[in-house]
């Protein structure tokens, strides 16, 4: 019994790792491992390369196989002793043959079973039977097993054919131990598991960001769908209201036409009846005159002097003409006032037909609001209908700017004006804004310019007032739009983007703001209105007219009325 323990402890040495049975005709190969002669021969006959089935060492040429007589004798003696043979590993569970898409066991010699694990140390895949040594043998227990992987060769370093076991953080790549001691020497390296943990956190953050973006986009999509449905309903309502209004107008026009026609016909009837009565009396008078004419002709031809004299007095007296014989027939039923009214109505309808549909969204993803807008004015009189009086805000004026003429004129001078400190005051650039906040309507104003350099524009209240950055100048940001006059040359600015305008210079500039339509237009005003440039955008906040001036330049806001020419 003393010898039984050490012999039983050597049972792994007498087991073939291919058939997992006691060695039969054992042979040894250069790497020192032992196999059954038939098992090893069958394994190598089915493979194009010769390698150890256990440690995977490759051999350039196929080694000659000679039986290990010493080991063979030891196994024979063990079988003859009373010592029980080493216990066999437990019977593996039933296995399945590898099918399409499965990873095959690298050690099955005939029909390939499906691999259940891959070994990153051996770089081989094993079925349940051939995997047992990795659980029972001390030499294999520390190998790294993973789920079946058919791309084990990709886990080898192409240069050194060693397992990729480290991660170089400097070069952000997986490397083997040889790489770490050569070209990556001195780099920051960590174990794959540690880098995986870090990358897993980044992956989690990325997945969270993807989920957030997905939810945001899904929410936006749903809001857009809702907005589109609301828009469709709004369109239906608008069309119905317009149809109702125009139907009422058409019915009113038809009724007015019918009533006017009835009145004309009634007047015609009355005039005809009056004329008929007069005509009848005239016809009777004519018959009476013809009768008298015949009697007088007969009297004039009689030979009886006595009869002539006796009847002359009664026959020569004619009846007096009555007032009823005086009658004027009305032949013109036209009305100049009616023609004027109808002409005005026609012009109004023609103007309405020229109106444009403006779409305005109150805030993000809300249903658009449709609004009919009259076309942009053409003549100066049309613009003056939208005149908006403005006043410069002294609390925003830079100290090199001087306000005068009731805060309607601003000049840039060499000396500072002692304005009190104010949070709205421009402290570096010579700029000033107006007090009036323009929003939701149409506005027009004119200015007179003097000097070589000035900018005329509009800005949101959020335009920065402090600091020397050029992005705080009118037109050099996304919060303002302006027309710049420099030595009688025009250019427009927005978001620091400059567009040169080629047009004759005029000291009078007209500015037309259609806030609902998102339109801002600059005009050169002389005997005609010349469009210099039009910005088309979508305004989100109230706009404040503003000015930027250089030394010895001034701008005066004009006082206008619709009668100014």
Protein backbone atom coordinates (compact mmCIF):
# COMPACT_ATOMS: atom_id res chain seq x y z
CA UNK A 1 0.00 0.00 0.00
CA UNK A 2 3.04 2.25 0.48
CA UNK A 3 3.81 2.11 -3.24
CA UNK A 4 0.21 2.68 -4.31
CA UNK A 5 0.12 6.38 -3.50
CA UNK A 6 3.11 7.50 -5.56
CA UNK A 7 2.12 5.37 -8.51
CA UNK A 8 -1.43 6.66 -8.47
CA UNK A 9 -0.11 10.21 -8.38
CA UNK A 10 1.56 9.57 -11.77
CA UNK A 11 -1.64 8.59 -13.57
CA UNK A 12 -1.66 11.76 -15.73
CA UNK A 13 1.73 10.73 -17.12
CA UNK A 14 0.30 7.41 -18.40
CA UNK A 15 -2.77 8.91 -20.11
CA UNK A 16 -2.87 9.84 -23.79
CA UNK A 17 -4.27 13.38 -24.18
CA UNK A 18 -5.79 12.41 -27.54
CA UNK A 19 -7.83 9.30 -26.64
CA UNK A 20 -7.81 10.04 -22.88
CA UNK A 21 -6.99 6.37 -22.15
CA UNK A 22 -3.93 4.58 -20.78
CA UNK A 23 -1.06 4.81 -23.25
CA UNK A 24 -0.80 1.98 -25.79
CA UNK A 25 2.53 1.62 -27.61
CA UNK A 26 3.66 4.97 -26.11
CA UNK A 27 5.88 7.21 -28.23
CA UNK A 28 7.71 10.37 -27.18
CA UNK A 29 8.17 13.45 -29.40
CA UNK A 30 10.88 16.17 -29.16
CA UNK A 31 8.80 18.44 -26.89
CA UNK A 32 8.72 15.62 -24.28
CA UNK A 33 5.04 14.68 -24.42
CA UNK A 34 3.85 11.08 -24.84
CA UNK A 35 0.99 9.67 -26.93
CA UNK A 36 -0.34 6.40 -28.22
CA UNK A 37 1.43 5.54 -31.47
CA UNK A 38 -1.85 5.11 -33.36
CA UNK A 39 -3.45 8.26 -31.91
CA UNK A 40 -0.49 10.46 -32.85
CA UNK A 41 -0.10 8.87 -36.30
CA UNK A 42 -3.81 9.36 -37.10
CA UNK A 43 -3.65 12.95 -35.85
CA UNK A 44 -0.66 13.85 -38.00
CA UNK A 45 -2.01 11.97 -41.04
CA UNK A 46 -5.14 14.20 -40.98
CA UNK A 47 -3.19 17.46 -40.67
CA UNK A 48 -0.91 19.30 -43.09
CA UNK A 49 1.45 20.33 -40.31
CA UNK A 50 3.04 18.43 -37.46
CA UNK A 51 2.51 19.85 -34.02
CA UNK A 52 2.18 18.54 -30.51
CA UNK A 53 -1.52 17.92 -29.75
CA UNK A 54 -0.88 19.04 -26.20
CA UNK A 55 1.46 22.07 -26.27
CA UNK A 56 0.95 22.89 -29.99
CA UNK A 57 4.70 23.14 -30.68
CA UNK A 58 5.27 22.98 -34.44
CA UNK A 59 7.93 20.71 -36.00
CA UNK A 60 9.55 21.63 -39.30
CA UNK A 61 9.82 17.99 -40.32
CA UNK A 62 7.74 15.10 -39.13
CA UNK A 63 9.65 13.42 -36.30
CA UNK A 64 10.36 9.70 -36.55
CA UNK A 65 8.19 7.89 -34.02
CA UNK A 66 9.89 5.25 -31.84
CA UNK A 67 8.22 3.42 -29.04
CA UNK A 68 9.28 4.52 -25.56
CA UNK A 69 10.33 1.13 -24.22
CA UNK A 70 10.89 2.31 -20.67
CA UNK A 71 7.48 3.89 -20.42
CA UNK A 72 5.93 0.86 -22.07
CA UNK A 73 7.48 -1.48 -19.50
CA UNK A 74 6.32 0.68 -16.61
CA UNK A 75 2.75 0.65 -17.93
CA UNK A 76 2.89 -3.16 -18.32
CA UNK A 77 4.08 -3.64 -14.75
CA UNK A 78 1.39 -1.31 -13.50
CA UNK A 79 -1.26 -3.34 -15.25
CA UNK A 80 0.11 -6.61 -13.67
CA UNK A 81 0.22 -5.29 -10.11
CA UNK A 82 -2.65 -5.57 -7.71
CA UNK A 83 -2.80 -1.85 -7.62
CA UNK A 84 -6.05 -0.70 -9.06
CA UNK A 85 -5.65 1.22 -12.30
CA UNK A 86 -5.92 4.96 -12.01
CA UNK A 87 -9.52 6.13 -12.02
CA UNK A 88 -10.73 7.34 -15.37
CA UNK A 89 -12.16 10.78 -15.69
CA UNK A 90 -15.91 10.98 -15.40
CA UNK A 91 -17.82 10.08 -18.52
CA UNK A 92 -18.36 13.27 -20.43
CA UNK A 93 -21.93 14.24 -21.22
CA UNK A 94 -23.32 13.40 -24.65
CA UNK A 95 -21.79 15.51 -27.39
CA UNK A 96 -23.04 16.91 -30.68
CA UNK A 97 -21.26 16.75 -33.95
CA UNK A 98 -20.13 20.08 -35.36
CA UNK A 99 -22.57 21.57 -37.83
CA UNK A 100 -22.48 24.59 -40.13
CA UNK A 101 -21.39 27.63 -38.17
CA UNK A 102 -20.05 25.58 -35.21
CA UNK A 103 -16.41 25.59 -34.10
CA UNK A 104 -14.91 22.11 -34.55
CA UNK A 105 -12.73 20.33 -32.00
CA UNK A 106 -9.11 20.37 -33.16
CA UNK A 107 -8.36 16.93 -31.61
CA UNK A 108 -11.19 14.78 -32.90
CA UNK A 109 -9.55 12.39 -35.42
CA UNK A 110 -12.62 11.16 -37.29
CA UNK A 111 -16.01 12.80 -37.08
CA UNK A 112 -15.51 16.26 -35.58
CA UNK A 113 -17.43 17.10 -32.42
CA UNK A 114 -18.54 20.63 -31.67
CA UNK A 115 -16.03 22.54 -29.53
CA UNK A 116 -17.25 23.75 -26.14
CA UNK A 117 -14.17 25.82 -25.25
CA UNK A 118 -11.13 27.37 -26.89
CA UNK A 119 -7.80 27.66 -25.09
CA UNK A 120 -5.93 30.92 -25.57
CA UNK A 121 -2.74 29.30 -24.26
CA UNK A 122 -2.85 26.26 -26.53
CA UNK A 123 -4.58 28.23 -29.29
CA UNK A 124 -6.84 25.25 -29.95
CA UNK A 125 -10.53 24.38 -29.56
CA UNK A 126 -11.77 21.34 -27.65
CA UNK A 127 -14.90 19.22 -27.45
CA UNK A 128 -16.11 18.15 -24.04
CA UNK A 129 -14.02 14.95 -24.07
CA UNK A 130 -10.74 16.50 -25.15
CA UNK A 131 -11.25 19.40 -22.80
CA UNK A 132 -11.05 17.22 -19.66
CA UNK A 133 -7.22 17.39 -19.31
CA UNK A 134 -7.54 21.15 -18.88
CA UNK A 135 -9.66 20.51 -15.79
CA UNK A 136 -7.68 17.58 -14.37
CA UNK A 137 -4.05 18.05 -15.36
CA UNK A 138 -1.95 20.38 -13.19
CA UNK A 139 -0.01 21.58 -16.23
CA UNK A 140 -3.17 22.71 -18.05
CA UNK A 141 -5.34 24.00 -15.22
CA UNK A 142 -3.95 27.51 -15.50
CA UNK A 143 -4.61 27.82 -19.24
CA UNK A 144 -7.11 30.47 -20.22
CA UNK A 145 -10.36 29.01 -21.58
CA UNK A 146 -12.91 31.04 -23.50
CA UNK A 147 -16.06 30.34 -25.48
CA UNK A 148 -15.42 28.58 -28.80
CA UNK A 149 -13.57 30.87 -31.20
CA UNK A 150 -12.70 29.91 -34.79
CA UNK A 151 -10.39 32.92 -35.17
CA UNK A 152 -7.73 31.94 -32.70
CA UNK A 153 -4.97 32.77 -35.19
CA UNK A 154 -6.05 36.40 -35.01
CA UNK A 155 -5.11 36.31 -31.34
CA UNK A 156 -1.48 35.65 -32.26
CA UNK A 157 1.08 38.38 -32.83
CA UNK A 158 1.83 38.40 -36.57
CA UNK A 159 5.48 39.16 -35.93
CA UNK A 160 6.31 36.81 -33.06
CA UNK A 161 3.48 34.25 -33.32
CA UNK A 162 2.90 34.65 -29.60
CA UNK A 163 -0.37 35.13 -27.81
CA UNK A 164 -1.58 38.75 -27.55
CA UNK A 165 -1.62 39.16 -23.80
CA UNK A 166 -0.97 42.88 -23.18
CA UNK A 167 -2.42 46.21 -24.31
CA UNK A 168 -0.13 49.12 -25.19
CA UNK A 169 -1.95 52.28 -24.09
CA UNK A 170 0.66 54.43 -25.85
CA UNK A 171 -0.07 52.95 -29.29
CA UNK A 172 -3.59 51.74 -28.46
CA UNK A 173 -3.04 48.19 -29.66
CA UNK A 174 -2.85 44.59 -28.38
CA UNK A 175 0.68 43.15 -28.19
CA UNK A 176 2.49 39.99 -27.11
CA UNK A 177 5.14 39.79 -24.40
CA UNK A 178 7.95 39.91 -27.00
CA UNK A 179 6.51 43.13 -28.45
CA UNK A 180 6.48 44.58 -24.95
CA UNK A 181 10.19 43.88 -24.56
CA UNK A 182 11.17 45.17 -28.02
CA UNK A 183 9.43 47.90 -30.05
CA UNK A 184 6.97 48.79 -27.25
CA UNK A 185 9.62 48.89 -24.53
CA UNK A 186 9.05 51.93 -22.32
CA UNK A 187 5.41 52.31 -23.38
CA UNK A 188 2.56 52.24 -20.91
CA UNK A 189 1.18 48.70 -20.95
CA UNK A 190 -1.63 47.02 -19.01
CA UNK A 191 -3.28 43.63 -18.95
CA UNK A 192 -6.07 43.01 -21.44
CA UNK A 193 -8.62 42.57 -18.64
CA UNK A 194 -7.74 45.91 -17.09
CA UNK A 195 -7.96 47.75 -20.41
CA UNK A 196 -11.22 45.94 -21.14
CA UNK A 197 -12.64 47.25 -17.86
CA UNK A 198 -11.70 50.81 -18.83
CA UNK A 199 -12.99 50.43 -22.37
CA UNK A 200 -16.13 48.80 -20.98
CA UNK A 201 -16.80 51.96 -18.98
CA UNK A 202 -16.29 54.06 -22.12
CA UNK A 203 -18.57 51.69 -23.98
CA UNK A 204 -21.18 52.11 -21.26
CA UNK A 205 -20.91 55.87 -21.53
CA UNK A 206 -21.20 55.64 -25.34
CA UNK A 207 -24.23 53.37 -25.04
CA UNK A 208 -25.79 55.82 -22.59
CA UNK A 209 -25.11 58.66 -25.04
CA UNK A 210 -26.59 56.62 -27.89
CA UNK A 211 -29.65 55.88 -25.76
CA UNK A 212 -29.98 59.57 -24.86
CA UNK A 213 -29.66 60.62 -28.50
CA UNK A 214 -32.09 57.93 -29.55
CA UNK A 215 -34.63 59.10 -26.99
CA UNK A 216 -34.10 62.75 -28.00
CA UNK A 217 -34.52 61.97 -31.69
CA UNK A 218 -37.52 59.76 -31.02
CA UNK A 219 -39.04 62.55 -28.94
CA UNK A 220 -38.26 65.07 -31.68
CA UNK A 221 -39.74 62.75 -34.29
CA UNK A 222 -42.92 62.34 -32.27
CA UNK A 223 -43.10 66.09 -31.74
CA UNK A 224 -42.60 66.67 -35.45
CA UNK A 225 -45.33 64.17 -36.26
CA UNK A 226 -47.63 65.90 -33.81
CA UNK A 227 -46.68 69.28 -35.28
CA UNK A 228 -47.41 68.00 -38.79
CA UNK A 229 -50.82 66.74 -37.69
CA UNK A 230 -51.53 70.10 -36.08
CA UNK A 231 -50.33 71.82 -39.24
CA UNK A 232 -52.72 69.72 -41.35
CA UNK A 233 -55.58 70.64 -39.00
CA UNK A 234 -54.50 74.29 -39.14
CA UNK A 235 -54.47 74.20 -42.94
CA UNK A 236 -57.95 72.65 -43.01
CA UNK A 237 -59.24 75.31 -40.60
CA UNK A 238 -57.59 78.13 -42.55
CA UNK A 239 -58.93 76.89 -45.89
CA UNK A 240 -62.41 76.48 -44.42
CA UNK A 241 -62.33 79.98 -42.92
CA UNK A 242 -61.12 81.47 -46.20
CA UNK A 243 -63.76 79.58 -48.16
CA UNK A 244 -66.41 80.76 -45.70
CA UNK A 245 -65.20 84.37 -45.95
CA UNK A 246 -65.01 84.34 -49.75
CA UNK A 247 -68.35 82.52 -50.02
CA UNK A 248 -69.94 85.21 -47.84
CA UNK A 249 -68.27 87.90 -49.94
CA UNK A 250 -69.43 86.29 -53.20
CA UNK A 251 -72.98 85.93 -51.86
CA UNK A 252 -72.90 89.56 -50.72
CA UNK A 253 -71.68 90.67 -54.16
CA UNK A 254 -74.35 88.59 -55.90
CA UNK A 255 -77.10 89.98 -53.60
CA UNK A 256 -75.83 93.53 -54.13
CA UNK A 257 -75.82 92.98 -57.87
CA UNK A 258 -79.34 91.52 -57.78
CA UNK A 259 -80.72 94.33 -55.61
CA UNK A 260 -79.05 96.99 -57.76
CA UNK A 261 -80.41 95.36 -60.91
CA UNK A 262 -83.94 95.23 -59.38
CA UNK A 263 -83.77 98.91 -58.48
CA UNK A 264 -82.63 99.84 -61.98
CA UNK A 265 -85.44 97.74 -63.47
CA UNK A 266 -88.00 99.33 -61.12
CA UNK A 267 -86.78 102.79 -62.08
CA UNK A 268 -86.97 101.79 -65.71
CA UNK A 269 -90.57 100.62 -65.23
CA UNK A 270 -91.58 103.87 -63.56
CA UNK A 271 -89.95 105.94 -66.28
CA UNK A 272 -91.58 103.81 -68.98
CA UNK A 273 -95.03 104.19 -67.44
CA UNK A 274 -94.63 107.97 -67.21
CA UNK A 275 -93.40 108.11 -70.79
CA UNK A 276 -96.28 105.90 -71.99
CA UNK A 277 -98.86 108.29 -70.51
CA UNK A 278 -97.22 111.28 -72.14
CA UNK A 279 -96.96 109.43 -75.46
CA UNK A 280 -100.66 108.57 -75.38
CA UNK A 281 -101.58 112.21 -74.77
CA UNK A 282 -99.25 113.29 -77.54
CA UNK A 283 -100.80 110.79 -79.93
CA UNK A 284 -104.34 112.01 -79.03
CA UNK A 285 -103.23 115.61 -79.52
CA UNK A 286 -101.83 114.72 -82.92
CA UNK A 287 -105.11 113.10 -83.95
CA UNK A 288 -107.00 116.18 -82.75
CA UNK A 289 -104.69 118.49 -84.68
CA UNK A 290 -105.07 116.37 -87.83
CA UNK A 291 -108.83 116.57 -87.48
CA UNK A 292 -108.73 120.37 -87.03
CA UNK A 293 -106.34 120.63 -89.97
CA UNK A 294 -108.78 118.76 -92.20
CA UNK A 295 -111.73 120.92 -91.06
CA UNK A 296 -109.78 124.15 -91.67
CA UNK A 297 -108.73 122.95 -95.12
CA UNK A 298 -112.37 122.22 -95.93
CA UNK A 299 -113.36 125.66 -94.58
CA UNK A 300 -110.72 127.36 -96.63
CA UNK A 301 -112.06 125.75 -99.79
CA UNK A 302 -115.80 126.47 -99.25
CA UNK A 303 -117.53 128.88 -101.73
CA UNK A 304 -120.17 129.84 -99.21
CA UNK A 305 -119.01 133.12 -97.76
CA UNK A 306 -121.77 133.15 -95.16
CA UNK A 307 -120.86 129.67 -93.87
CA UNK A 308 -117.13 130.57 -93.78
CA UNK A 309 -117.74 133.67 -91.69
CA UNK A 310 -120.20 131.99 -89.36
CA UNK A 311 -117.83 129.05 -88.51
CA UNK A 312 -114.47 130.80 -88.70
CA UNK A 313 -114.43 131.98 -85.10
CA UNK A 314 -115.15 128.52 -83.65
CA UNK A 315 -112.89 126.59 -86.02
CA UNK A 316 -109.75 128.75 -85.81
CA UNK A 317 -109.43 128.64 -82.01
CA UNK A 318 -106.95 125.87 -81.00
CA UNK A 319 -106.82 124.24 -77.53
CA UNK A 320 -103.96 125.47 -75.27
CA UNK A 321 -100.78 123.21 -74.87
CA UNK A 322 -100.70 121.63 -71.39
CA UNK A 323 -97.59 121.17 -69.09
CA UNK A 324 -97.91 117.41 -69.46
CA UNK A 325 -96.42 117.67 -72.93
CA UNK A 326 -93.04 118.60 -71.37
CA UNK A 327 -91.21 115.30 -70.54
CA UNK A 328 -87.53 114.22 -70.41
CA UNK A 329 -86.70 110.49 -70.87
CA UNK A 330 -83.88 109.18 -68.61
CA UNK A 331 -81.49 107.12 -70.76
CA UNK A 332 -78.36 107.05 -68.52
CA UNK A 333 -78.62 104.88 -65.38
CA UNK A 334 -74.86 104.71 -64.71
CA UNK A 335 -73.40 105.87 -61.37
CA UNK A 336 -69.89 107.24 -61.09
CA UNK A 337 -69.81 106.61 -57.33
CA UNK A 338 -70.79 102.97 -57.87
CA UNK A 339 -68.00 102.55 -60.43
CA UNK A 340 -65.50 103.97 -57.95
CA UNK A 341 -66.66 101.65 -55.17
CA UNK A 342 -66.50 98.59 -57.40
CA UNK A 343 -63.08 99.62 -58.72
CA UNK A 344 -61.79 99.98 -55.16
CA UNK A 345 -63.18 96.55 -54.24
CA UNK A 346 -61.54 95.03 -57.32
CA UNK A 347 -58.18 96.54 -56.41
CA UNK A 348 -58.49 95.23 -52.84
CA UNK A 349 -59.20 91.72 -54.13
CA UNK A 350 -56.25 91.97 -56.51
CA UNK A 351 -53.99 92.93 -53.60
CA UNK A 352 -55.29 90.03 -51.53
CA UNK A 353 -54.51 87.65 -54.39
CA UNK A 354 -50.89 88.85 -54.23
CA UNK A 355 -50.51 88.15 -50.52
CA UNK A 356 -48.05 85.45 -49.57
CA UNK A 357 -48.30 82.67 -47.01
CA UNK A 358 -45.79 83.11 -44.20
CA UNK A 359 -45.05 80.14 -41.95
CA UNK A 360 -43.93 80.91 -38.44
CA UNK A 361 -43.06 78.41 -35.70
CA UNK A 362 -43.49 79.92 -32.20
CA UNK A 363 -40.94 77.53 -30.65
CA UNK A 364 -39.09 74.34 -31.44
CA UNK A 365 -41.23 71.45 -32.71
CA UNK A 366 -44.50 73.32 -32.32
CA UNK A 367 -46.99 73.32 -35.15
CA UNK A 368 -46.26 76.09 -37.68
CA UNK A 369 -48.62 79.04 -37.73
CA UNK A 370 -49.82 80.12 -41.16
CA UNK A 371 -50.37 83.81 -41.73
CA UNK A 372 -51.30 85.80 -44.83
CA UNK A 373 -48.94 88.70 -45.33
CA UNK A 374 -49.35 91.57 -47.80
CA UNK A 375 -46.53 91.79 -50.35
CA UNK A 376 -43.54 93.99 -49.56
CA UNK A 377 -44.19 97.68 -50.23
CA UNK A 378 -43.03 99.09 -53.56
CA UNK A 379 -43.21 102.89 -53.34
CA UNK A 380 -41.92 105.10 -50.56
CA UNK A 381 -45.50 106.03 -49.69
CA UNK A 382 -46.19 102.31 -49.16
CA UNK A 383 -43.18 102.05 -46.83
CA UNK A 384 -44.22 105.13 -44.87
CA UNK A 385 -47.46 103.37 -43.92
CA UNK A 386 -45.27 101.28 -41.59
CA UNK A 387 -43.24 104.18 -40.19
CA UNK A 388 -42.00 103.52 -36.67
CA UNK A 389 -40.64 106.41 -34.55
CA UNK A 390 -37.36 105.59 -32.78
CA UNK A 391 -35.35 107.14 -29.95
CA UNK A 392 -31.72 106.41 -29.02
CA UNK A 393 -31.20 104.79 -25.62
CA UNK A 394 -28.69 106.94 -23.70
CA UNK A 395 -28.05 104.06 -21.27
CA UNK A 396 -26.45 102.01 -24.09
CA UNK A 397 -24.37 104.79 -25.72
CA UNK A 398 -20.57 104.47 -25.62
CA UNK A 399 -18.87 107.44 -23.97
CA UNK A 400 -17.31 108.57 -27.28
CA UNK A 401 -20.82 108.96 -28.70
CA UNK A 402 -22.78 112.16 -28.15
CA UNK A 403 -26.56 112.20 -28.45
CA UNK A 404 -28.47 115.32 -29.52
CA UNK A 405 -31.70 116.54 -31.14
CA UNK A 406 -33.87 114.86 -28.56
CA UNK A 407 -31.81 111.65 -28.67
CA UNK A 408 -32.45 111.27 -32.40
CA UNK A 409 -28.91 112.07 -33.54
CA UNK A 410 -25.66 110.34 -32.57
CA UNK A 411 -22.13 111.58 -33.33
CA UNK A 412 -18.72 110.03 -32.67
CA UNK A 413 -16.27 112.56 -31.19
CA UNK A 414 -12.73 112.65 -29.80
CA UNK A 415 -13.77 113.60 -26.28
CA UNK A 416 -15.69 111.38 -23.90
CA UNK A 417 -19.15 112.20 -22.61
CA UNK A 418 -19.52 111.65 -18.86
CA UNK A 419 -22.34 109.14 -18.92
CA UNK A 420 -23.06 107.32 -15.63
CA UNK A 421 -22.15 103.66 -15.36
CA UNK A 422 -24.84 101.32 -16.61
CA UNK A 423 -24.88 97.55 -17.27
CA UNK A 424 -26.34 98.12 -20.77
CA UNK A 425 -23.64 100.59 -21.85
CA UNK A 426 -21.11 99.58 -24.54
CA UNK A 427 -17.72 100.00 -22.85
CA UNK A 428 -15.30 99.45 -25.77
CA UNK A 429 -16.91 99.72 -29.21
CA UNK A 430 -18.64 103.03 -30.16
CA UNK A 431 -22.17 101.64 -30.48
CA UNK A 432 -25.67 102.59 -29.35
CA UNK A 433 -29.10 100.94 -29.49
CA UNK A 434 -32.60 102.38 -29.61
CA UNK A 435 -35.08 102.04 -26.77
CA UNK A 436 -37.85 100.49 -28.90
CA UNK A 437 -38.15 96.69 -29.03
CA UNK A 438 -39.54 95.66 -32.44
CA UNK A 439 -41.35 92.33 -32.65
CA UNK A 440 -44.33 90.68 -34.32
CA UNK A 441 -45.04 93.51 -36.77
CA UNK A 442 -43.81 95.52 -39.77
CA UNK A 443 -41.64 98.58 -39.18
CA UNK A 444 -39.90 101.16 -41.36
CA UNK A 445 -37.47 103.94 -40.47
CA UNK A 446 -34.98 106.18 -42.26
CA UNK A 447 -31.66 107.70 -41.22
CA UNK A 448 -29.42 110.43 -42.59
CA UNK A 449 -25.71 109.53 -42.57
CA UNK A 450 -22.72 111.85 -42.43
CA UNK A 451 -19.04 110.91 -42.37
CA UNK A 452 -16.91 108.07 -43.69
CA UNK A 453 -17.79 105.08 -41.50
CA UNK A 454 -21.00 103.95 -39.84
CA UNK A 455 -23.13 100.81 -39.48
CA UNK A 456 -26.93 100.73 -39.41
CA UNK A 457 -28.66 97.57 -38.21
CA UNK A 458 -30.66 95.67 -35.62
CA UNK A 459 -29.65 93.43 -32.71
CA UNK A 460 -31.10 91.19 -30.05
CA UNK A 461 -30.95 92.48 -26.49
CA UNK A 462 -28.39 89.74 -25.74
CA UNK A 463 -25.69 91.47 -27.81
CA UNK A 464 -22.68 91.71 -25.49
CA UNK A 465 -21.88 95.22 -24.25
CA UNK A 466 -18.57 94.57 -22.46
CA UNK A 467 -15.16 93.63 -23.83
CA UNK A 468 -12.95 94.39 -26.82
CA UNK A 469 -13.64 91.25 -28.89
CA UNK A 470 -14.52 91.96 -32.52
CA UNK A 471 -17.39 89.52 -32.17
CA UNK A 472 -19.17 92.22 -30.12
CA UNK A 473 -19.40 94.61 -33.10
CA UNK A 474 -22.75 95.03 -34.84
CA UNK A 475 -22.96 92.39 -37.60
CA UNK A 476 -19.99 90.31 -36.38
CA UNK A 477 -22.13 87.72 -34.53
CA UNK A 478 -25.34 85.74 -34.79
CA UNK A 479 -27.25 88.28 -32.68
CA UNK A 480 -27.15 91.23 -35.10
CA UNK A 481 -27.49 92.26 -38.76
CA UNK A 482 -26.22 95.50 -40.29
CA UNK A 483 -25.48 97.61 -43.37
CA UNK A 484 -22.00 99.16 -43.21
CA UNK A 485 -21.12 102.38 -45.08
CA UNK A 486 -17.38 102.88 -45.59
CA UNK A 487 -16.19 105.74 -47.81
CA UNK A 488 -19.47 105.68 -49.75
CA UNK A 489 -19.24 101.91 -50.29
CA UNK A 490 -21.84 99.47 -48.95
CA UNK A 491 -21.51 96.03 -47.39
CA UNK A 492 -23.79 93.92 -45.22
CA UNK A 493 -22.66 91.85 -42.22
CA UNK A 494 -24.00 88.94 -40.20
CA UNK A 495 -22.10 86.29 -38.22
CA UNK A 496 -18.89 88.13 -39.18
CA UNK A 497 -19.62 87.34 -42.85
CA UNK A 498 -19.26 90.27 -45.22
CA UNK A 499 -21.16 90.75 -48.49
CA UNK A 500 -20.14 93.70 -50.67
CA UNK A 501 -23.00 95.68 -52.27
CA UNK A 502 -22.51 97.54 -55.54
CA UNK A 503 -24.98 100.44 -55.66
CA UNK A 504 -24.94 104.24 -55.99
CA UNK A 505 -24.35 105.94 -52.66
CA UNK A 506 -27.10 107.89 -50.91
CA UNK A 507 -26.77 109.50 -47.45
CA UNK A 508 -30.38 108.52 -46.68
CA UNK A 509 -30.92 104.86 -45.80
CA UNK A 510 -34.30 103.21 -45.32
CA UNK A 511 -34.67 100.09 -43.15
CA UNK A 512 -37.73 97.84 -43.50
CA UNK A 513 -38.30 95.08 -40.93
CA UNK A 514 -40.97 92.43 -41.46
CA UNK A 515 -40.50 90.55 -38.18
CA UNK A 516 -43.19 87.86 -38.73
CA UNK A 517 -41.83 87.07 -42.20
CA UNK A 518 -38.20 87.06 -40.99
CA UNK A 519 -37.20 89.76 -43.49
CA UNK A 520 -34.82 92.71 -42.96
CA UNK A 521 -34.27 95.03 -45.97
CA UNK A 522 -31.98 98.02 -46.50
CA UNK A 523 -32.83 100.66 -49.13
CA UNK A 524 -30.97 103.58 -50.63
CA UNK A 525 -33.50 106.44 -50.60
CA UNK A 526 -33.38 109.24 -53.18
CA UNK A 527 -36.02 109.96 -55.81
CA UNK A 528 -36.57 106.18 -55.89
CA UNK A 529 -36.26 103.29 -53.45
CA UNK A 530 -33.26 101.08 -54.37
CA UNK A 531 -33.00 97.74 -52.58
CA UNK A 532 -29.44 97.23 -51.33
CA UNK A 533 -29.85 93.90 -49.56
CA UNK A 534 -32.46 91.71 -47.89
CA UNK A 535 -31.75 89.28 -45.04
CA UNK A 536 -34.14 86.34 -44.85
CA UNK A 537 -34.09 84.48 -41.56
CA UNK A 538 -36.34 83.54 -38.63
CA UNK A 539 -36.27 86.03 -35.78
CA UNK A 540 -36.69 84.60 -32.28
CA UNK A 541 -36.57 87.68 -30.02
CA UNK A 542 -37.41 91.38 -30.16
CA UNK A 543 -34.98 93.46 -32.23
CA UNK A 544 -33.45 96.80 -31.28
CA UNK A 545 -32.26 99.21 -34.01
CA UNK A 546 -28.61 100.11 -33.44
CA UNK A 547 -25.63 102.02 -34.85
CA UNK A 548 -21.84 101.73 -34.90
CA UNK A 549 -19.89 104.92 -35.72
CA UNK A 550 -16.31 105.92 -36.36
CA UNK A 551 -14.69 109.28 -35.60
CA UNK A 552 -16.36 112.37 -37.12
CA UNK A 553 -19.37 110.37 -38.33
CA UNK A 554 -22.99 110.86 -37.36
CA UNK A 555 -26.42 109.29 -37.92
CA UNK A 556 -29.75 111.11 -37.56
CA UNK A 557 -33.05 109.25 -37.24
CA UNK A 558 -35.59 110.95 -39.52
CA UNK A 559 -39.03 112.06 -38.39
CA UNK A 560 -41.45 110.79 -41.02
CA UNK A 561 -45.17 110.71 -41.68
CA UNK A 562 -47.13 109.04 -44.49
CA UNK A 563 -47.32 112.45 -46.20
CA UNK A 564 -43.53 112.93 -46.42
CA UNK A 565 -42.11 112.86 -49.95
